[in-house]
């Protein structure tokens, strides 16, 4: 009978031990998630530089003509205008 009572009191005293452990685990998880959220939020401000393309007006005009966006007459007219502006 004495052995049984001692075992119950040991188990009963362990019930209260889980509360502080749970509190600290929960506190650490919240701190980690807060840190991660703040780090990710600061990285959103750092947008990667846009891909720089060095196309001049003539290359753009040629591509538009090749895709069929403009007809030959328009292409030749715009090309002449570009050449006039360049000189």
PDB file of N, CA and C in Angstrom:
ATOM      1  N   UNK A   1       0.818  -1.182   0.000  1.00  0.00           N
ATOM      2  CA  UNK A   1       0.000   0.000   0.000  1.00  0.00           C
ATOM      3  C   UNK A   1       0.869   1.256   0.000  1.00  0.00           C
ATOM      4  N   UNK A   2       1.928   1.244   0.737  1.00  0.00           N
ATOM      5  CA  UNK A   2       2.818   2.390   0.832  1.00  0.00           C
ATOM      6  C   UNK A   2       3.508   2.643  -0.503  1.00  0.00           C
ATOM      7  N   UNK A   3       3.904   1.564  -1.157  1.00  0.00           N
ATOM      8  CA  UNK A   3       4.569   1.667  -2.462  1.00  0.00           C
ATOM      9  C   UNK A   3       3.623   2.290  -3.487  1.00  0.00           C
ATOM     10  N   UNK A   4       2.382   1.907  -3.447  1.00  0.00           N
ATOM     11  CA  UNK A   4       1.391   2.434  -4.374  1.00  0.00           C
ATOM     12  C   UNK A   4       1.149   3.925  -4.130  1.00  0.00           C
ATOM     13  N   UNK A   5       1.141   4.364  -2.915  1.00  0.00           N
ATOM     14  CA  UNK A   5       0.913   5.751  -2.575  1.00  0.00           C
ATOM     15  C   UNK A   5       2.101   6.620  -3.023  1.00  0.00           C
ATOM     16  N   UNK A   6       3.285   6.125  -2.880  1.00  0.00           N
ATOM     17  CA  UNK A   6       4.465   6.874  -3.283  1.00  0.00           C
ATOM     18  C   UNK A   6       4.477   7.057  -4.794  1.00  0.00           C
ATOM     19  N   UNK A   7       4.106   6.024  -5.514  1.00  0.00           N
ATOM     20  CA  UNK A   7       4.072   6.100  -6.973  1.00  0.00           C
ATOM     21  C   UNK A   7       3.042   7.121  -7.440  1.00  0.00           C
ATOM     22  N   UNK A   8       1.884   7.173  -6.820  1.00  0.00           N
ATOM     23  CA  UNK A   8       0.859   8.135  -7.188  1.00  0.00           C
ATOM     24  C   UNK A   8       1.293   9.565  -6.884  1.00  0.00           C
ATOM     25  N   UNK A   9       1.994   9.760  -5.800  1.00  0.00           N
ATOM     26  CA  UNK A   9       2.415  11.114  -5.469  1.00  0.00           C
ATOM     27  C   UNK A   9       3.503  11.591  -6.424  1.00  0.00           C
ATOM     28  N   UNK A  10       4.351  10.687  -6.889  1.00  0.00           N
ATOM     29  CA  UNK A  10       5.374  11.073  -7.865  1.00  0.00           C
ATOM     30  C   UNK A  10       4.710  11.434  -9.190  1.00  0.00           C
ATOM     31  N   UNK A  11       3.775  10.641  -9.642  1.00  0.00           N
ATOM     32  CA  UNK A  11       3.066  10.924 -10.887  1.00  0.00           C
ATOM     33  C   UNK A  11       2.265  12.201 -10.751  1.00  0.00           C
ATOM     34  N   UNK A  12       1.635  12.395  -9.633  1.00  0.00           N
ATOM     35  CA  UNK A  12       0.855  13.602  -9.402  1.00  0.00           C
ATOM     36  C   UNK A  12       1.715  14.854  -9.398  1.00  0.00           C
ATOM     37  N   UNK A  13       2.929  14.765  -8.902  1.00  0.00           N
ATOM     38  CA  UNK A  13       3.791  15.941  -8.865  1.00  0.00           C
ATOM     39  C   UNK A  13       4.353  16.271 -10.242  1.00  0.00           C
ATOM     40  N   UNK A  14       4.380  15.320 -11.158  1.00  0.00           N
ATOM     41  CA  UNK A  14       4.883  15.567 -12.506  1.00  0.00           C
ATOM     42  C   UNK A  14       3.871  16.321 -13.355  1.00  0.00           C
ATOM     43  N   UNK A  15       2.597  16.310 -12.964  1.00  0.00           N
ATOM     44  CA  UNK A  15       1.579  17.011 -13.744  1.00  0.00           C
ATOM     45  C   UNK A  15       1.879  18.497 -13.837  1.00  0.00           C
ATOM     46  N   UNK A  16       2.308  19.100 -12.767  1.00  0.00           N
ATOM     47  CA  UNK A  16       2.597  20.514 -12.761  1.00  0.00           C
ATOM     48  C   UNK A  16       3.884  20.867 -13.490  1.00  0.00           C
ATOM     49  N   UNK A  17       4.755  19.903 -13.706  1.00  0.00           N
ATOM     50  CA  UNK A  17       6.036  20.156 -14.357  1.00  0.00           C
ATOM     51  C   UNK A  17       5.859  20.464 -15.845  1.00  0.00           C
ATOM     52  N   UNK A  18       4.833  19.982 -16.460  1.00  0.00           N
ATOM     53  CA  UNK A  18       4.636  20.171 -17.904  1.00  0.00           C
ATOM     54  C   UNK A  18       4.203  21.593 -18.256  1.00  0.00           C
ATOM     55  N   UNK A  19       3.610  22.300 -17.342  1.00  0.00           N
ATOM     56  CA  UNK A  19       3.125  23.654 -17.614  1.00  0.00           C
ATOM     57  C   UNK A  19       4.281  24.606 -17.946  1.00  0.00           C
ATOM     58  N   UNK A  20       5.341  24.683 -17.124  1.00  0.00           N
ATOM     59  CA  UNK A  20       6.443  25.584 -17.502  1.00  0.00           C
ATOM     60  C   UNK A  20       7.176  25.137 -18.764  1.00  0.00           C
ATOM     61  N   UNK A  21       7.304  23.829 -18.965  1.00  0.00           N
ATOM     62  CA  UNK A  21       7.963  23.334 -20.189  1.00  0.00           C
ATOM     63  C   UNK A  21       7.145  23.739 -21.402  1.00  0.00           C
ATOM     64  N   UNK A  22       5.843  23.558 -21.352  1.00  0.00           N
ATOM     65  CA  UNK A  22       4.974  23.951 -22.457  1.00  0.00           C
ATOM     66  C   UNK A  22       5.055  25.454 -22.690  1.00  0.00           C
ATOM     67  N   UNK A  23       5.083  26.245 -21.607  1.00  0.00           N
ATOM     68  CA  UNK A  23       5.181  27.690 -21.726  1.00  0.00           C
ATOM     69  C   UNK A  23       6.456  28.094 -22.451  1.00  0.00           C
ATOM     70  N   UNK A  24       7.590  27.533 -22.085  1.00  0.00           N
ATOM     71  CA  UNK A  24       8.856  27.921 -22.702  1.00  0.00           C
ATOM     72  C   UNK A  24       8.969  27.435 -24.144  1.00  0.00           C
ATOM     73  N   UNK A  25       8.429  26.271 -24.428  1.00  0.00           N
ATOM     74  CA  UNK A  25       8.425  25.780 -25.818  1.00  0.00           C
ATOM     75  C   UNK A  25       7.556  26.688 -26.673  1.00  0.00           C
ATOM     76  N   UNK A  26       6.402  27.053 -26.164  1.00  0.00           N
ATOM     77  CA  UNK A  26       5.499  27.942 -26.892  1.00  0.00           C
ATOM     78  C   UNK A  26       6.139  29.324 -27.071  1.00  0.00           C
ATOM     79  N   UNK A  27       6.789  29.847 -26.044  1.00  0.00           N
ATOM     80  CA  UNK A  27       7.465  31.142 -26.133  1.00  0.00           C
ATOM     81  C   UNK A  27       8.580  31.100 -27.178  1.00  0.00           C
ATOM     82  N   UNK A  28       9.362  30.029 -27.192  1.00  0.00           N
ATOM     83  CA  UNK A  28      10.441  29.903 -28.176  1.00  0.00           C
ATOM     84  C   UNK A  28       9.878  29.818 -29.590  1.00  0.00           C
ATOM     85  N   UNK A  29       8.782  29.095 -29.783  1.00  0.00           N
ATOM     86  CA  UNK A  29       8.175  28.969 -31.111  1.00  0.00           C
ATOM     87  C   UNK A  29       7.644  30.317 -31.590  1.00  0.00           C
ATOM     88  N   UNK A  30       7.003  31.058 -30.720  1.00  0.00           N
ATOM     89  CA  UNK A  30       6.482  32.381 -31.093  1.00  0.00           C
ATOM     90  C   UNK A  30       7.642  33.316 -31.429  1.00  0.00           C
ATOM     91  N   UNK A  31       8.708  33.284 -30.629  1.00  0.00           N
ATOM     92  CA  UNK A  31       9.869  34.140 -30.894  1.00  0.00           C
ATOM     93  C   UNK A  31      10.502  33.784 -32.236  1.00  0.00           C
ATOM     94  N   UNK A  32      10.612  32.500 -32.530  1.00  0.00           N
ATOM     95  CA  UNK A  32      11.186  32.060 -33.803  1.00  0.00           C
ATOM     96  C   UNK A  32      10.328  32.530 -34.972  1.00  0.00           C
ATOM     97  N   UNK A  33       9.020  32.336 -34.878  1.00  0.00           N
ATOM     98  CA  UNK A  33       8.131  32.753 -35.958  1.00  0.00           C
ATOM     99  C   UNK A  33       8.129  34.261 -36.139  1.00  0.00           C
ATOM    100  N   UNK A  34       8.197  35.011 -35.057  1.00  0.00           N
ATOM    101  CA  UNK A  34       8.263  36.471 -35.135  1.00  0.00           C
ATOM    102  C   UNK A  34       9.555  36.917 -35.816  1.00  0.00           C
ATOM    103  N   UNK A  35      10.664  36.305 -35.442  1.00  0.00           N
ATOM    104  CA  UNK A  35      11.952  36.617 -36.060  1.00  0.00           C
ATOM    105  C   UNK A  35      11.927  36.300 -37.555  1.00  0.00           C
ATOM    106  N   UNK A  36      11.387  35.140 -37.903  1.00  0.00           N
ATOM    107  CA  UNK A  36      11.310  34.731 -39.310  1.00  0.00           C
ATOM    108  C   UNK A  36      10.420  35.694 -40.097  1.00  0.00           C
ATOM    109  N   UNK A  37       9.300  36.096 -39.538  1.00  0.00           N
ATOM    110  CA  UNK A  37       8.388  37.018 -40.214  1.00  0.00           C
ATOM    111  C   UNK A  37       9.059  38.362 -40.439  1.00  0.00           C
ATOM    112  N   UNK A  38       9.771  38.862 -39.432  1.00  0.00           N
ATOM    113  CA  UNK A  38      10.443  40.147 -39.569  1.00  0.00           C
ATOM    114  C   UNK A  38      11.562  40.081 -40.609  1.00  0.00           C
ATOM    115  N   UNK A  39      12.296  38.983 -40.637  1.00  0.00           N
ATOM    116  CA  UNK A  39      13.373  38.815 -41.612  1.00  0.00           C
ATOM    117  C   UNK A  39      12.800  38.757 -43.025  1.00  0.00           C
ATOM    118  N   UNK A  40      11.729  38.011 -43.218  1.00  0.00           N
ATOM    119  CA  UNK A  40      11.114  37.902 -44.544  1.00  0.00           C
ATOM    120  C   UNK A  40      10.517  39.241 -44.981  1.00  0.00           C
ATOM    121  N   UNK A  41       9.942  39.987 -44.042  1.00  0.00           N
ATOM    122  CA  UNK A  41       9.359  41.289 -44.377  1.00  0.00           C
ATOM    123  C   UNK A  41      10.445  42.266 -44.819  1.00  0.00           C
ATOM    124  N   UNK A  42      11.604  42.185 -44.204  1.00  0.00           N
ATOM    125  CA  UNK A  42      12.681  43.101 -44.604  1.00  0.00           C
ATOM    126  C   UNK A  42      13.254  42.709 -45.960  1.00  0.00           C
ATOM    127  N   UNK A  43      13.186  41.465 -46.306  1.00  0.00           N
ATOM    128  CA  UNK A  43      13.691  41.017 -47.612  1.00  0.00           C
ATOM    129  C   UNK A  43      12.759  41.413 -48.749  1.00  0.00           C
ATOM    130  N   UNK A  44      11.480  41.628 -48.456  1.00  0.00           N
ATOM    131  CA  UNK A  44      10.545  42.045 -49.502  1.00  0.00           C
ATOM    132  C   UNK A  44      10.905  43.415 -50.035  1.00  0.00           C
ATOM    133  N   UNK A  45      11.524  44.241 -49.198  1.00  0.00           N
ATOM    134  CA  UNK A  45      11.921  45.577 -49.622  1.00  0.00           C
ATOM    135  C   UNK A  45      13.076  45.533 -50.621  1.00  0.00           C
ATOM    136  N   UNK A  46      13.832  44.461 -50.599  1.00  0.00           N
ATOM    137  CA  UNK A  46      14.975  44.319 -51.484  1.00  0.00           C
ATOM    138  C   UNK A  46      14.541  43.634 -52.772  1.00  0.00           C
ATOM    139  N   UNK A  47      13.944  44.398 -53.654  1.00  0.00           N
ATOM    140  CA  UNK A  47      13.514  43.809 -54.918  1.00  0.00           C
ATOM    141  C   UNK A  47      14.725  43.600 -55.809  1.00  0.00           C
ATOM    142  N   UNK A  48      14.770  42.482 -56.481  1.00  0.00           N
ATOM    143  CA  UNK A  48      15.907  42.237 -57.353  1.00  0.00           C
ATOM    144  C   UNK A  48      15.891  43.224 -58.513  1.00  0.00           C
ATOM    145  N   UNK A  49      17.044  43.591 -59.001  1.00  0.00           N
ATOM    146  CA  UNK A  49      17.076  44.544 -60.110  1.00  0.00           C
ATOM    147  C   UNK A  49      16.409  43.956 -61.348  1.00  0.00           C
ATOM    148  N   UNK A  50      15.746  44.808 -62.069  1.00  0.00           N
ATOM    149  CA  UNK A  50      15.070  44.369 -63.283  1.00  0.00           C
ATOM    150  C   UNK A  50      16.105  43.934 -64.307  1.00  0.00           C
ATOM    151  N   UNK A  51      15.721  42.986 -65.101  1.00  0.00           N
ATOM    152  CA  UNK A  51      16.618  42.522 -66.147  1.00  0.00           C
ATOM    153  C   UNK A  51      16.793  43.649 -67.166  1.00  0.00           C
ATOM    154  N   UNK A  52      18.009  44.038 -67.325  1.00  0.00           N
ATOM    155  CA  UNK A  52      18.295  45.156 -68.219  1.00  0.00           C
ATOM    156  C   UNK A  52      18.490  44.625 -69.627  1.00  0.00           C
ATOM    157  N   UNK A  53      17.738  45.191 -70.540  1.00  0.00           N
ATOM    158  CA  UNK A  53      17.923  44.840 -71.941  1.00  0.00           C
ATOM    159  C   UNK A  53      18.358  46.094 -72.669  1.00  0.00           C
ATOM    160  N   UNK A  54      19.312  45.943 -73.512  1.00  0.00           N
ATOM    161  CA  UNK A  54      19.850  47.080 -74.240  1.00  0.00           C
ATOM    162  C   UNK A  54      19.384  47.016 -75.690  1.00  0.00           C
ATOM    163  N   UNK A  55      18.091  47.142 -75.832  1.00  0.00           N
ATOM    164  CA  UNK A  55      17.543  47.161 -77.169  1.00  0.00           C
ATOM    165  C   UNK A  55      17.401  48.605 -77.613  1.00  0.00           C
ATOM    166  N   UNK A  56      17.828  48.852 -78.778  1.00  0.00           N
ATOM    167  CA  UNK A  56      17.597  50.194 -79.294  1.00  0.00           C
ATOM    168  C   UNK A  56      16.295  50.197 -80.091  1.00  0.00           C
ATOM    169  N   UNK A  57      15.904  51.351 -80.518  1.00  0.00           N
ATOM    170  CA  UNK A  57      14.623  51.503 -81.211  1.00  0.00           C
ATOM    171  C   UNK A  57      14.567  50.664 -82.487  1.00  0.00           C
ATOM    172  N   UNK A  58      15.689  50.561 -83.178  1.00  0.00           N
ATOM    173  CA  UNK A  58      15.710  49.791 -84.429  1.00  0.00           C
ATOM    174  C   UNK A  58      15.461  48.305 -84.165  1.00  0.00           C
ATOM    175  N   UNK A  59      16.078  47.767 -83.116  1.00  0.00           N
ATOM    176  CA  UNK A  59      15.867  46.346 -82.783  1.00  0.00           C
ATOM    177  C   UNK A  59      14.416  46.083 -82.405  1.00  0.00           C
ATOM    178  N   UNK A  60      13.828  46.994 -81.652  1.00  0.00           N
ATOM    179  CA  UNK A  60      12.417  46.845 -81.276  1.00  0.00           C
ATOM    180  C   UNK A  60      11.533  46.883 -82.515  1.00  0.00           C
ATOM    181  N   UNK A  61      11.827  47.802 -83.420  1.00  0.00           N
ATOM    182  CA  UNK A  61      11.062  47.910 -84.659  1.00  0.00           C
ATOM    183  C   UNK A  61      11.175  46.632 -85.487  1.00  0.00           C
ATOM    184  N   UNK A  62      12.388  46.088 -85.587  1.00  0.00           N
ATOM    185  CA  UNK A  62      12.593  44.845 -86.344  1.00  0.00           C
ATOM    186  C   UNK A  62      11.816  43.683 -85.731  1.00  0.00           C
ATOM    187  N   UNK A  63      11.812  43.597 -84.415  1.00  0.00           N
ATOM    188  CA  UNK A  63      11.072  42.514 -83.750  1.00  0.00           C
ATOM    189  C   UNK A  63       9.571  42.657 -83.970  1.00  0.00           C
ATOM    190  N   UNK A  64       9.055  43.877 -83.880  1.00  0.00           N
ATOM    191  CA  UNK A  64       7.631  44.089 -84.118  1.00  0.00           C
ATOM    192  C   UNK A  64       7.244  43.704 -85.538  1.00  0.00           C
ATOM    193  N   UNK A  65       8.113  44.021 -86.502  1.00  0.00           N
ATOM    194  CA  UNK A  65       7.851  43.658 -87.891  1.00  0.00           C
ATOM    195  C   UNK A  65       7.913  42.141 -88.067  1.00  0.00           C
ATOM    196  N   UNK A  66       8.885  41.514 -87.438  1.00  0.00           N
ATOM    197  CA  UNK A  66       9.027  40.054 -87.530  1.00  0.00           C
ATOM    198  C   UNK A  66       7.831  39.326 -86.903  1.00  0.00           C
ATOM    199  N   UNK A  67       7.276  39.880 -85.840  1.00  0.00           N
ATOM    200  CA  UNK A  67       6.105  39.252 -85.202  1.00  0.00           C
ATOM    201  C   UNK A  67       4.814  39.535 -85.951  1.00  0.00           C
ATOM    202  N   UNK A  68       4.865  40.432 -86.901  1.00  0.00           N
ATOM    203  CA  UNK A  68       3.664  40.757 -87.660  1.00  0.00           C
ATOM    204  C   UNK A  68       2.802  41.815 -87.015  1.00  0.00           C
ATOM    205  N   UNK A  69       3.338  42.535 -86.049  1.00  0.00           N
ATOM    206  CA  UNK A  69       2.566  43.580 -85.385  1.00  0.00           C
ATOM    207  C   UNK A  69       2.381  44.794 -86.299  1.00  0.00           C
ATOM    208  N   UNK A  70       3.331  45.004 -87.185  1.00  0.00           N
ATOM    209  CA  UNK A  70       3.232  46.124 -88.131  1.00  0.00           C
ATOM    210  C   UNK A  70       3.496  45.598 -89.539  1.00  0.00           C
ATOM    211  N   UNK A  71       2.901  46.262 -90.511  1.00  0.00           N
ATOM    212  CA  UNK A  71       3.113  45.831 -91.900  1.00  0.00           C
ATOM    213  C   UNK A  71       4.397  46.458 -92.456  1.00  0.00           C
ATOM    214  N   UNK A  72       4.744  46.081 -93.683  1.00  0.00           N
ATOM    215  CA  UNK A  72       5.995  46.526 -94.272  1.00  0.00           C
ATOM    216  C   UNK A  72       6.020  48.041 -94.481  1.00  0.00           C
ATOM    217  N   UNK A  73       4.912  48.611 -94.904  1.00  0.00           N
ATOM    218  CA  UNK A  73       4.867  50.051 -95.143  1.00  0.00           C
ATOM    219  C   UNK A  73       5.118  50.820 -93.841  1.00  0.00           C
ATOM    220  N   UNK A  74       4.500  50.377 -92.765  1.00  0.00           N
ATOM    221  CA  UNK A  74       4.699  51.024 -91.469  1.00  0.00           C
ATOM    222  C   UNK A  74       6.138  50.845 -91.006  1.00  0.00           C
ATOM    223  N   UNK A  75       6.669  49.635 -91.195  1.00  0.00           N
ATOM    224  CA  UNK A  75       8.056  49.367 -90.813  1.00  0.00           C
ATOM    225  C   UNK A  75       9.008  50.312 -91.543  1.00  0.00           C
ATOM    226  N   UNK A  76       8.840  50.435 -92.851  1.00  0.00           N
ATOM    227  CA  UNK A  76       9.742  51.282 -93.639  1.00  0.00           C
ATOM    228  C   UNK A  76       9.595  52.760 -93.249  1.00  0.00           C
ATOM    229  N   UNK A  77       8.362  53.201 -93.001  1.00  0.00           N
ATOM    230  CA  UNK A  77       8.140  54.587 -92.601  1.00  0.00           C
ATOM    231  C   UNK A  77       8.804  54.878 -91.260  1.00  0.00           C
ATOM    232  N   UNK A  78       8.603  53.980 -90.279  1.00  0.00           N
ATOM    233  CA  UNK A  78       9.196  54.188 -88.957  1.00  0.00           C
ATOM    234  C   UNK A  78      10.724  54.089 -89.008  1.00  0.00           C
ATOM    235  N   UNK A  79      11.232  53.217 -89.861  1.00  0.00           N
ATOM    236  CA  UNK A  79      12.676  53.084 -90.030  1.00  0.00           C
ATOM    237  C   UNK A  79      13.274  54.367 -90.598  1.00  0.00           C
ATOM    238  N   UNK A  80      12.580  54.937 -91.584  1.00  0.00           N
ATOM    239  CA  UNK A  80      13.052  56.224 -92.156  1.00  0.00           C
ATOM    240  C   UNK A  80      13.046  57.323 -91.089  1.00  0.00           C
ATOM    241  N   UNK A  81      11.985  57.348 -90.272  1.00  0.00           N
ATOM    242  CA  UNK A  81      11.909  58.353 -89.227  1.00  0.00           C
ATOM    243  C   UNK A  81      13.041  58.182 -88.203  1.00  0.00           C
ATOM    244  N   UNK A  82      13.354  56.938 -87.885  1.00  0.00           N
ATOM    245  CA  UNK A  82      14.459  56.697 -86.955  1.00  0.00           C
ATOM    246  C   UNK A  82      15.785  57.147 -87.562  1.00  0.00           C
ATOM    247  N   UNK A  83      15.980  56.858 -88.836  1.00  0.00           N
ATOM    248  CA  UNK A  83      17.223  57.250 -89.494  1.00  0.00           C
ATOM    249  C   UNK A  83      17.334  58.772 -89.602  1.00  0.00           C
ATOM    250  N   UNK A  84      16.183  59.438 -89.837  1.00  0.00           N
ATOM    251  CA  UNK A  84      16.196  60.905 -89.914  1.00  0.00           C
ATOM    252  C   UNK A  84      16.546  61.519 -88.548  1.00  0.00           C
ATOM    253  N   UNK A  85      16.027  60.949 -87.489  1.00  0.00           N
ATOM    254  CA  UNK A  85      16.297  61.460 -86.157  1.00  0.00           C
ATOM    255  C   UNK A  85      17.746  61.221 -85.749  1.00  0.00           C
ATOM    256  N   UNK A  86      18.314  60.119 -86.231  1.00  0.00           N
ATOM    257  CA  UNK A  86      19.693  59.779 -85.872  1.00  0.00           C
ATOM    258  C   UNK A  86      20.694  60.714 -86.546  1.00  0.00           C
ATOM    259  N   UNK A  87      20.347  61.217 -87.733  1.00  0.00           N
ATOM    260  CA  UNK A  87      21.313  62.041 -88.446  1.00  0.00           C
ATOM    261  C   UNK A  87      21.136  63.509 -88.197  1.00  0.00           C
TER     262      UNK A  87
END
